[in-house]
PDB file of N, CA and C in Angstrom:
ATOM      1  N   UNK A   1       0.848  -1.174   0.000  1.00  0.00           N
ATOM      2  CA  UNK A   1       0.000   0.000   0.000  1.00  0.00           C
ATOM      3  C   UNK A   1       0.895   1.238   0.000  1.00  0.00           C
ATOM      4  N   UNK A   2       0.547   2.190  -0.795  1.00  0.00           N
ATOM      5  CA  UNK A   2       1.336   3.413  -0.910  1.00  0.00           C
ATOM      6  C   UNK A   2       1.110   4.315   0.310  1.00  0.00           C
ATOM      7  N   UNK A   3       2.042   5.235   0.557  1.00  0.00           N
ATOM      8  CA  UNK A   3       1.856   6.158   1.688  1.00  0.00           C
ATOM      9  C   UNK A   3       0.609   7.026   1.546  1.00  0.00           C
ATOM     10  N   UNK A   4       0.236   7.354   0.328  1.00  0.00           N
ATOM     11  CA  UNK A   4      -0.981   8.145   0.129  1.00  0.00           C
ATOM     12  C   UNK A   4      -2.213   7.317   0.491  1.00  0.00           C
ATOM     13  N   UNK A   5      -2.182   6.034   0.156  1.00  0.00           N
ATOM     14  CA  UNK A   5      -3.287   5.152   0.524  1.00  0.00           C
ATOM     15  C   UNK A   5      -3.401   4.983   2.027  1.00  0.00           C
ATOM     16  N   UNK A   6      -2.260   4.899   2.700  1.00  0.00           N
ATOM     17  CA  UNK A   6      -2.269   4.791   4.161  1.00  0.00           C
ATOM     18  C   UNK A   6      -2.820   6.069   4.788  1.00  0.00           C
ATOM     19  N   UNK A   7      -2.388   7.211   4.277  1.00  0.00           N
ATOM     20  CA  UNK A   7      -2.888   8.487   4.806  1.00  0.00           C
ATOM     21  C   UNK A   7      -4.390   8.628   4.583  1.00  0.00           C
ATOM     22  N   UNK A   8      -4.869   8.180   3.418  1.00  0.00           N
ATOM     23  CA  UNK A   8      -6.304   8.248   3.130  1.00  0.00           C
ATOM     24  C   UNK A   8      -7.087   7.335   4.072  1.00  0.00           C
ATOM     25  N   UNK A   9      -6.557   6.144   4.346  1.00  0.00           N
ATOM     26  CA  UNK A   9      -7.223   5.210   5.248  1.00  0.00           C
ATOM     27  C   UNK A   9      -7.260   5.772   6.670  1.00  0.00           C
ATOM     28  N   UNK A  10      -6.156   6.378   7.119  1.00  0.00           N
ATOM     29  CA  UNK A  10      -6.113   6.967   8.459  1.00  0.00           C
ATOM     30  C   UNK A  10      -7.099   8.120   8.562  1.00  0.00           C
ATOM     31  N   UNK A  11      -7.194   8.924   7.524  1.00  0.00           N
ATOM     32  CA  UNK A  11      -8.132  10.047   7.519  1.00  0.00           C
ATOM     33  C   UNK A  11      -9.581   9.563   7.575  1.00  0.00           C
ATOM     34  N   UNK A  12      -9.912   8.544   6.790  1.00  0.00           N
ATOM     35  CA  UNK A  12     -11.283   8.029   6.832  1.00  0.00           C
ATOM     36  C   UNK A  12     -11.586   7.362   8.172  1.00  0.00           C
ATOM     37  N   UNK A  13     -10.589   6.704   8.766  1.00  0.00           N
ATOM     38  CA  UNK A  13     -10.801   6.117  10.090  1.00  0.00           C
ATOM     39  C   UNK A  13     -11.026   7.201  11.135  1.00  0.00           C
ATOM     40  N   UNK A  14     -10.305   8.311  11.018  1.00  0.00           N
ATOM     41  CA  UNK A  14     -10.498   9.427  11.951  1.00  0.00           C
ATOM     42  C   UNK A  14     -11.892  10.032  11.790  1.00  0.00           C
ATOM     43  N   UNK A  15     -12.345  10.181  10.554  1.00  0.00           N
ATOM     44  CA  UNK A  15     -13.697  10.698  10.313  1.00  0.00           C
ATOM     45  C   UNK A  15     -14.731   9.743  10.906  1.00  0.00           C
ATOM     46  N   UNK A  16     -14.512   8.455  10.760  1.00  0.00           N
ATOM     47  CA  UNK A  16     -15.436   7.457  11.315  1.00  0.00           C
ATOM     48  C   UNK A  16     -15.519   7.575  12.830  1.00  0.00           C
ATOM     49  N   UNK A  17     -14.382   7.606  13.489  1.00  0.00           N
ATOM     50  CA  UNK A  17     -14.368   7.636  14.953  1.00  0.00           C
ATOM     51  C   UNK A  17     -14.934   8.951  15.485  1.00  0.00           C
ATOM     52  N   UNK A  18     -14.508  10.063  14.914  1.00  0.00           N
ATOM     53  CA  UNK A  18     -14.986  11.360  15.405  1.00  0.00           C
ATOM     54  C   UNK A  18     -16.476  11.566  15.161  1.00  0.00           C
ATOM     55  N   UNK A  19     -16.959  11.167  13.998  1.00  0.00           N
ATOM     56  CA  UNK A  19     -18.384  11.343  13.734  1.00  0.00           C
ATOM     57  C   UNK A  19     -19.223  10.419  14.614  1.00  0.00           C
ATOM     58  N   UNK A  20     -18.727   9.214  14.885  1.00  0.00           N
ATOM     59  CA  UNK A  20     -19.452   8.315  15.797  1.00  0.00           C
ATOM     60  C   UNK A  20     -19.488   8.913  17.205  1.00  0.00           C
ATOM     61  N   UNK A  21     -18.354   9.417  17.664  1.00  0.00           N
ATOM     62  CA  UNK A  21     -18.281  10.005  19.001  1.00  0.00           C
ATOM     63  C   UNK A  21     -19.200  11.216  19.134  1.00  0.00           C
ATOM     64  N   UNK A  22     -19.103  12.159  18.199  1.00  0.00           N
ATOM     65  CA  UNK A  22     -19.928  13.362  18.278  1.00  0.00           C
ATOM     66  C   UNK A  22     -21.409  13.040  18.103  1.00  0.00           C
ATOM     67  N   UNK A  23     -21.725  12.090  17.235  1.00  0.00           N
ATOM     68  CA  UNK A  23     -23.123  11.716  17.045  1.00  0.00           C
ATOM     69  C   UNK A  23     -23.744  11.164  18.313  1.00  0.00           C
ATOM     70  N   UNK A  24     -23.033  10.243  18.962  1.00  0.00           N
ATOM     71  CA  UNK A  24     -23.555   9.670  20.201  1.00  0.00           C
ATOM     72  C   UNK A  24     -23.610  10.714  21.312  1.00  0.00           C
ATOM     73  N   UNK A  25     -22.618  11.590  21.340  1.00  0.00           N
ATOM     74  CA  UNK A  25     -22.605  12.628  22.365  1.00  0.00           C
ATOM     75  C   UNK A  25     -23.776  13.596  22.195  1.00  0.00           C
ATOM     76  N   UNK A  26     -24.081  13.959  20.966  1.00  0.00           N
ATOM     77  CA  UNK A  26     -25.199  14.871  20.726  1.00  0.00           C
ATOM     78  C   UNK A  26     -26.542  14.200  20.975  1.00  0.00           C
ATOM     79  N   UNK A  27     -26.660  12.935  20.626  1.00  0.00           N
ATOM     80  CA  UNK A  27     -27.942  12.251  20.801  1.00  0.00           C
ATOM     81  C   UNK A  27     -28.277  11.994  22.266  1.00  0.00           C
ATOM     82  N   UNK A  28     -27.284  11.631  23.055  1.00  0.00           N
ATOM     83  CA  UNK A  28     -27.552  11.220  24.434  1.00  0.00           C
ATOM     84  C   UNK A  28     -27.146  12.263  25.465  1.00  0.00           C
ATOM     85  N   UNK A  29     -27.057  13.523  25.066  1.00  0.00           N
ATOM     86  CA  UNK A  29     -26.704  14.591  25.996  1.00  0.00           C
ATOM     87  C   UNK A  29     -27.888  14.899  26.912  1.00  0.00           C
ATOM     88  N   UNK A  30     -27.565  15.213  28.146  1.00  0.00           N
ATOM     89  CA  UNK A  30     -28.595  15.622  29.101  1.00  0.00           C
ATOM     90  C   UNK A  30     -28.971  17.076  28.836  1.00  0.00           C
ATOM     91  N   UNK A  31     -30.103  17.468  29.375  1.00  0.00           N
ATOM     92  CA  UNK A  31     -30.582  18.835  29.165  1.00  0.00           C
ATOM     93  C   UNK A  31     -29.638  19.876  29.769  1.00  0.00           C
ATOM     94  N   UNK A  32     -28.964  19.520  30.861  1.00  0.00           N
ATOM     95  CA  UNK A  32     -28.021  20.455  31.479  1.00  0.00           C
ATOM     96  C   UNK A  32     -26.841  20.696  30.539  1.00  0.00           C
ATOM     97  N   UNK A  33     -26.352  19.638  29.901  1.00  0.00           N
ATOM     98  CA  UNK A  33     -25.244  19.764  28.958  1.00  0.00           C
ATOM     99  C   UNK A  33     -25.681  20.564  27.738  1.00  0.00           C
ATOM    100  N   UNK A  34     -26.890  20.316  27.250  1.00  0.00           N
ATOM    101  CA  UNK A  34     -27.395  21.072  26.103  1.00  0.00           C
ATOM    102  C   UNK A  34     -27.528  22.558  26.432  1.00  0.00           C
ATOM    103  N   UNK A  35     -27.948  22.846  27.657  1.00  0.00           N
ATOM    104  CA  UNK A  35     -28.083  24.245  28.055  1.00  0.00           C
ATOM    105  C   UNK A  35     -26.715  24.918  28.121  1.00  0.00           C
ATOM    106  N   UNK A  36     -25.698  24.203  28.544  1.00  0.00           N
ATOM    107  CA  UNK A  36     -24.340  24.763  28.558  1.00  0.00           C
ATOM    108  C   UNK A  36     -23.869  25.041  27.129  1.00  0.00           C
ATOM    109  N   UNK A  37     -24.148  24.117  26.212  1.00  0.00           N
ATOM    110  CA  UNK A  37     -23.780  24.338  24.810  1.00  0.00           C
ATOM    111  C   UNK A  37     -24.549  25.531  24.241  1.00  0.00           C
ATOM    112  N   UNK A  38     -25.821  25.625  24.603  1.00  0.00           N
ATOM    113  CA  UNK A  38     -26.663  26.706  24.080  1.00  0.00           C
ATOM    114  C   UNK A  38     -26.185  28.059  24.587  1.00  0.00           C
ATOM    115  N   UNK A  39     -25.713  28.108  25.845  1.00  0.00           N
ATOM    116  CA  UNK A  39     -25.218  29.377  26.372  1.00  0.00           C
ATOM    117  C   UNK A  39     -23.956  29.818  25.636  1.00  0.00           C
ATOM    118  N   UNK A  40     -23.148  28.864  25.170  1.00  0.00           N
ATOM    119  CA  UNK A  40     -21.974  29.216  24.369  1.00  0.00           C
ATOM    120  C   UNK A  40     -22.379  29.713  22.980  1.00  0.00           C
ATOM    121  N   UNK A  41     -23.391  29.092  22.414  1.00  0.00           N
ATOM    122  CA  UNK A  41     -23.843  29.457  21.070  1.00  0.00           C
ATOM    123  C   UNK A  41     -24.604  30.781  21.091  1.00  0.00           C
ATOM    124  N   UNK A  42     -25.227  31.119  22.226  1.00  0.00           N
ATOM    125  CA  UNK A  42     -26.031  32.341  22.321  1.00  0.00           C
ATOM    126  C   UNK A  42     -25.206  33.599  22.091  1.00  0.00           C
ATOM    127  N   UNK A  43     -23.908  33.501  22.209  1.00  0.00           N
ATOM    128  CA  UNK A  43     -23.065  34.665  21.938  1.00  0.00           C
ATOM    129  C   UNK A  43     -23.120  35.057  20.465  1.00  0.00           C
ATOM    130  N   UNK A  44     -23.388  34.073  19.616  1.00  0.00           N
ATOM    131  CA  UNK A  44     -23.380  34.311  18.169  1.00  0.00           C
ATOM    132  C   UNK A  44     -24.768  34.289  17.550  1.00  0.00           C
ATOM    133  N   UNK A  45     -25.634  33.391  18.019  1.00  0.00           N
ATOM    134  CA  UNK A  45     -26.983  33.281  17.463  1.00  0.00           C
ATOM    135  C   UNK A  45     -27.911  32.765  18.564  1.00  0.00           C
ATOM    136  N   UNK A  46     -29.148  33.213  18.559  1.00  0.00           N
ATOM    137  CA  UNK A  46     -30.103  32.804  19.579  1.00  0.00           C
ATOM    138  C   UNK A  46     -30.931  31.623  19.069  1.00  0.00           C
ATOM    139  N   UNK A  47     -31.055  30.606  19.906  1.00  0.00           N
ATOM    140  CA  UNK A  47     -31.922  29.459  19.658  1.00  0.00           C
ATOM    141  C   UNK A  47     -32.754  29.233  20.904  1.00  0.00           C
ATOM    142  N   UNK A  48     -34.027  28.922  20.729  1.00  0.00           N
ATOM    143  CA  UNK A  48     -34.841  28.536  21.879  1.00  0.00           C
ATOM    144  C   UNK A  48     -34.409  27.139  22.333  1.00  0.00           C
ATOM    145  N   UNK A  49     -34.812  26.765  23.543  1.00  0.00           N
ATOM    146  CA  UNK A  49     -34.406  25.457  24.074  1.00  0.00           C
ATOM    147  C   UNK A  49     -34.902  24.318  23.190  1.00  0.00           C
ATOM    148  N   UNK A  50     -36.149  24.398  22.794  1.00  0.00           N
ATOM    149  CA  UNK A  50     -36.733  23.321  21.997  1.00  0.00           C
ATOM    150  C   UNK A  50     -36.057  23.227  20.626  1.00  0.00           C
ATOM    151  N   UNK A  51     -35.819  24.364  20.003  1.00  0.00           N
ATOM    152  CA  UNK A  51     -35.185  24.374  18.685  1.00  0.00           C
ATOM    153  C   UNK A  51     -33.736  23.887  18.772  1.00  0.00           C
ATOM    154  N   UNK A  52     -33.028  24.269  19.850  1.00  0.00           N
ATOM    155  CA  UNK A  52     -31.646  23.827  20.007  1.00  0.00           C
ATOM    156  C   UNK A  52     -31.579  22.329  20.252  1.00  0.00           C
ATOM    157  N   UNK A  53     -32.535  21.790  21.017  1.00  0.00           N
ATOM    158  CA  UNK A  53     -32.566  20.346  21.238  1.00  0.00           C
ATOM    159  C   UNK A  53     -32.824  19.623  19.922  1.00  0.00           C
ATOM    160  N   UNK A  54     -33.741  20.132  19.128  1.00  0.00           N
ATOM    161  CA  UNK A  54     -34.019  19.536  17.825  1.00  0.00           C
ATOM    162  C   UNK A  54     -32.795  19.605  16.927  1.00  0.00           C
ATOM    163  N   UNK A  55     -32.114  20.725  16.947  1.00  0.00           N
ATOM    164  CA  UNK A  55     -30.906  20.882  16.144  1.00  0.00           C
ATOM    165  C   UNK A  55     -29.819  19.909  16.571  1.00  0.00           C
ATOM    166  N   UNK A  56     -29.606  19.737  17.870  1.00  0.00           N
ATOM    167  CA  UNK A  56     -28.577  18.800  18.326  1.00  0.00           C
ATOM    168  C   UNK A  56     -28.953  17.357  17.984  1.00  0.00           C
ATOM    169  N   UNK A  57     -30.228  17.028  18.069  1.00  0.00           N
ATOM    170  CA  UNK A  57     -30.643  15.674  17.699  1.00  0.00           C
ATOM    171  C   UNK A  57     -30.446  15.421  16.199  1.00  0.00           C
ATOM    172  N   UNK A  58     -30.788  16.409  15.380  1.00  0.00           N
ATOM    173  CA  UNK A  58     -30.575  16.257  13.937  1.00  0.00           C
ATOM    174  C   UNK A  58     -29.087  16.150  13.597  1.00  0.00           C
ATOM    175  N   UNK A  59     -28.265  16.962  14.245  1.00  0.00           N
ATOM    176  CA  UNK A  59     -26.824  16.872  14.027  1.00  0.00           C
ATOM    177  C   UNK A  59     -26.283  15.521  14.489  1.00  0.00           C
ATOM    178  N   UNK A  60     -26.798  15.022  15.607  1.00  0.00           N
ATOM    179  CA  UNK A  60     -26.370  13.716  16.102  1.00  0.00           C
ATOM    180  C   UNK A  60     -26.685  12.609  15.114  1.00  0.00           C
ATOM    181  N   UNK A  61     -27.910  12.622  14.578  1.00  0.00           N
ATOM    182  CA  UNK A  61     -28.270  11.617  13.577  1.00  0.00           C
ATOM    183  C   UNK A  61     -27.445  11.783  12.306  1.00  0.00           C
ATOM    184  N   UNK A  62     -27.166  13.025  11.926  1.00  0.00           N
ATOM    185  CA  UNK A  62     -26.337  13.266  10.748  1.00  0.00           C
ATOM    186  C   UNK A  62     -24.927  12.711  10.921  1.00  0.00           C
ATOM    187  N   UNK A  63     -24.343  12.945  12.094  1.00  0.00           N
ATOM    188  CA  UNK A  63     -23.006  12.405  12.357  1.00  0.00           C
ATOM    189  C   UNK A  63     -23.018  10.882  12.374  1.00  0.00           C
ATOM    190  N   UNK A  64     -24.061  10.287  12.947  1.00  0.00           N
ATOM    191  CA  UNK A  64     -24.129   8.820  12.959  1.00  0.00           C
ATOM    192  C   UNK A  64     -24.307   8.257  11.553  1.00  0.00           C
ATOM    193  N   UNK A  65     -25.099   8.903  10.738  1.00  0.00           N
ATOM    194  CA  UNK A  65     -25.250   8.451   9.357  1.00  0.00           C
ATOM    195  C   UNK A  65     -23.947   8.597   8.581  1.00  0.00           C
ATOM    196  N   UNK A  66     -23.210   9.664   8.834  1.00  0.00           N
ATOM    197  CA  UNK A  66     -21.905   9.827   8.212  1.00  0.00           C
ATOM    198  C   UNK A  66     -20.955   8.714   8.647  1.00  0.00           C
ATOM    199  N   UNK A  67     -20.973   8.356   9.923  1.00  0.00           N
ATOM    200  CA  UNK A  67     -20.121   7.273  10.414  1.00  0.00           C
ATOM    201  C   UNK A  67     -20.500   5.947   9.757  1.00  0.00           C
ATOM    202  N   UNK A  68     -21.799   5.696   9.623  1.00  0.00           N
ATOM    203  CA  UNK A  68     -22.230   4.457   8.969  1.00  0.00           C
ATOM    204  C   UNK A  68     -21.826   4.418   7.506  1.00  0.00           C
ATOM    205  N   UNK A  69     -21.907   5.546   6.839  1.00  0.00           N
ATOM    206  CA  UNK A  69     -21.514   5.612   5.432  1.00  0.00           C
ATOM    207  C   UNK A  69     -20.009   5.376   5.258  1.00  0.00           C
ATOM    208  N   UNK A  70     -19.216   5.983   6.118  1.00  0.00           N
ATOM    209  CA  UNK A  70     -17.763   5.785   6.047  1.00  0.00           C
ATOM    210  C   UNK A  70     -17.417   4.328   6.368  1.00  0.00           C
ATOM    211  N   UNK A  71     -18.096   3.752   7.348  1.00  0.00           N
ATOM    212  CA  UNK A  71     -17.856   2.343   7.667  1.00  0.00           C
ATOM    213  C   UNK A  71     -18.233   1.452   6.479  1.00  0.00           C
ATOM    214  N   UNK A  72     -19.341   1.765   5.826  1.00  0.00           N
ATOM    215  CA  UNK A  72     -19.734   1.010   4.644  1.00  0.00           C
ATOM    216  C   UNK A  72     -18.681   1.106   3.552  1.00  0.00           C
ATOM    217  N   UNK A  73     -18.153   2.317   3.324  1.00  0.00           N
ATOM    218  CA  UNK A  73     -17.126   2.492   2.297  1.00  0.00           C
ATOM    219  C   UNK A  73     -15.860   1.709   2.631  1.00  0.00           C
ATOM    220  N   UNK A  74     -15.472   1.700   3.898  1.00  0.00           N
ATOM    221  CA  UNK A  74     -14.270   0.961   4.276  1.00  0.00           C
ATOM    222  C   UNK A  74     -14.472  -0.542   4.126  1.00  0.00           C
ATOM    223  N   UNK A  75     -15.615  -1.046   4.540  1.00  0.00           N
ATOM    224  CA  UNK A  75     -15.888  -2.478   4.390  1.00  0.00           C
ATOM    225  C   UNK A  75     -15.987  -2.848   2.927  1.00  0.00           C
ATOM    226  N   UNK A  76     -16.621  -2.003   2.142  1.00  0.00           N
ATOM    227  CA  UNK A  76     -16.738  -2.263   0.705  1.00  0.00           C
ATOM    228  C   UNK A  76     -15.363  -2.316   0.042  1.00  0.00           C
ATOM    229  N   UNK A  77     -14.485  -1.420   0.461  1.00  0.00           N
ATOM    230  CA  UNK A  77     -13.141  -1.416  -0.113  1.00  0.00           C
ATOM    231  C   UNK A  77     -12.349  -2.654   0.323  1.00  0.00           C
ATOM    232  N   UNK A  78     -12.536  -3.094   1.571  1.00  0.00           N
ATOM    233  CA  UNK A  78     -11.819  -4.280   2.048  1.00  0.00           C
ATOM    234  C   UNK A  78     -12.324  -5.554   1.373  1.00  0.00           C
ATOM    235  N   UNK A  79     -13.610  -5.601   1.058  1.00  0.00           N
ATOM    236  CA  UNK A  79     -14.165  -6.769   0.388  1.00  0.00           C
ATOM    237  C   UNK A  79     -13.742  -6.798  -1.077  1.00  0.00           C
ATOM    238  N   UNK A  80     -13.459  -5.641  -1.610  1.00  0.00           N
ATOM    239  CA  UNK A  80     -13.014  -5.574  -3.004  1.00  0.00           C
ATOM    240  C   UNK A  80     -14.074  -5.058  -3.941  1.00  0.00           C
ATOM    241  N   UNK A  81     -14.923  -4.172  -3.450  1.00  0.00           N
ATOM    242  CA  UNK A  81     -16.009  -3.650  -4.250  1.00  0.00           C
ATOM    243  C   UNK A  81     -15.597  -2.594  -5.261  1.00  0.00           C
ATOM    244  N   UNK A  82     -14.351  -2.105  -5.211  1.00  0.00           N
ATOM    245  CA  UNK A  82     -13.960  -1.042  -6.133  1.00  0.00           C
ATOM    246  C   UNK A  82     -13.129  -1.581  -7.306  1.00  0.00           C
ATOM    247  N   UNK A  83     -13.421  -2.778  -7.746  1.00  0.00           N
ATOM    248  CA  UNK A  83     -12.667  -3.375  -8.851  1.00  0.00           C
ATOM    249  C   UNK A  83     -13.156  -2.866 -10.188  1.00  0.00           C
TER     250      UNK A  83
END
């Protein structure tokens, strides 16, 4: 495997791990944690509690779907689907 291929694999693995971590963190955050995040975001843009919770849940699902897609691509490449 070439060094560029190794770097690409490491990058996709990092995207997989980080998106899985952030997705689970956003989905299963407590309301106190969400309120702390919202107070940080309020400096730049205002969101109501309900809208911010919806936004974090949507972002969490988006990150999890991204992780699943990257995992699918890695498994597909290991099986030999890109011939």
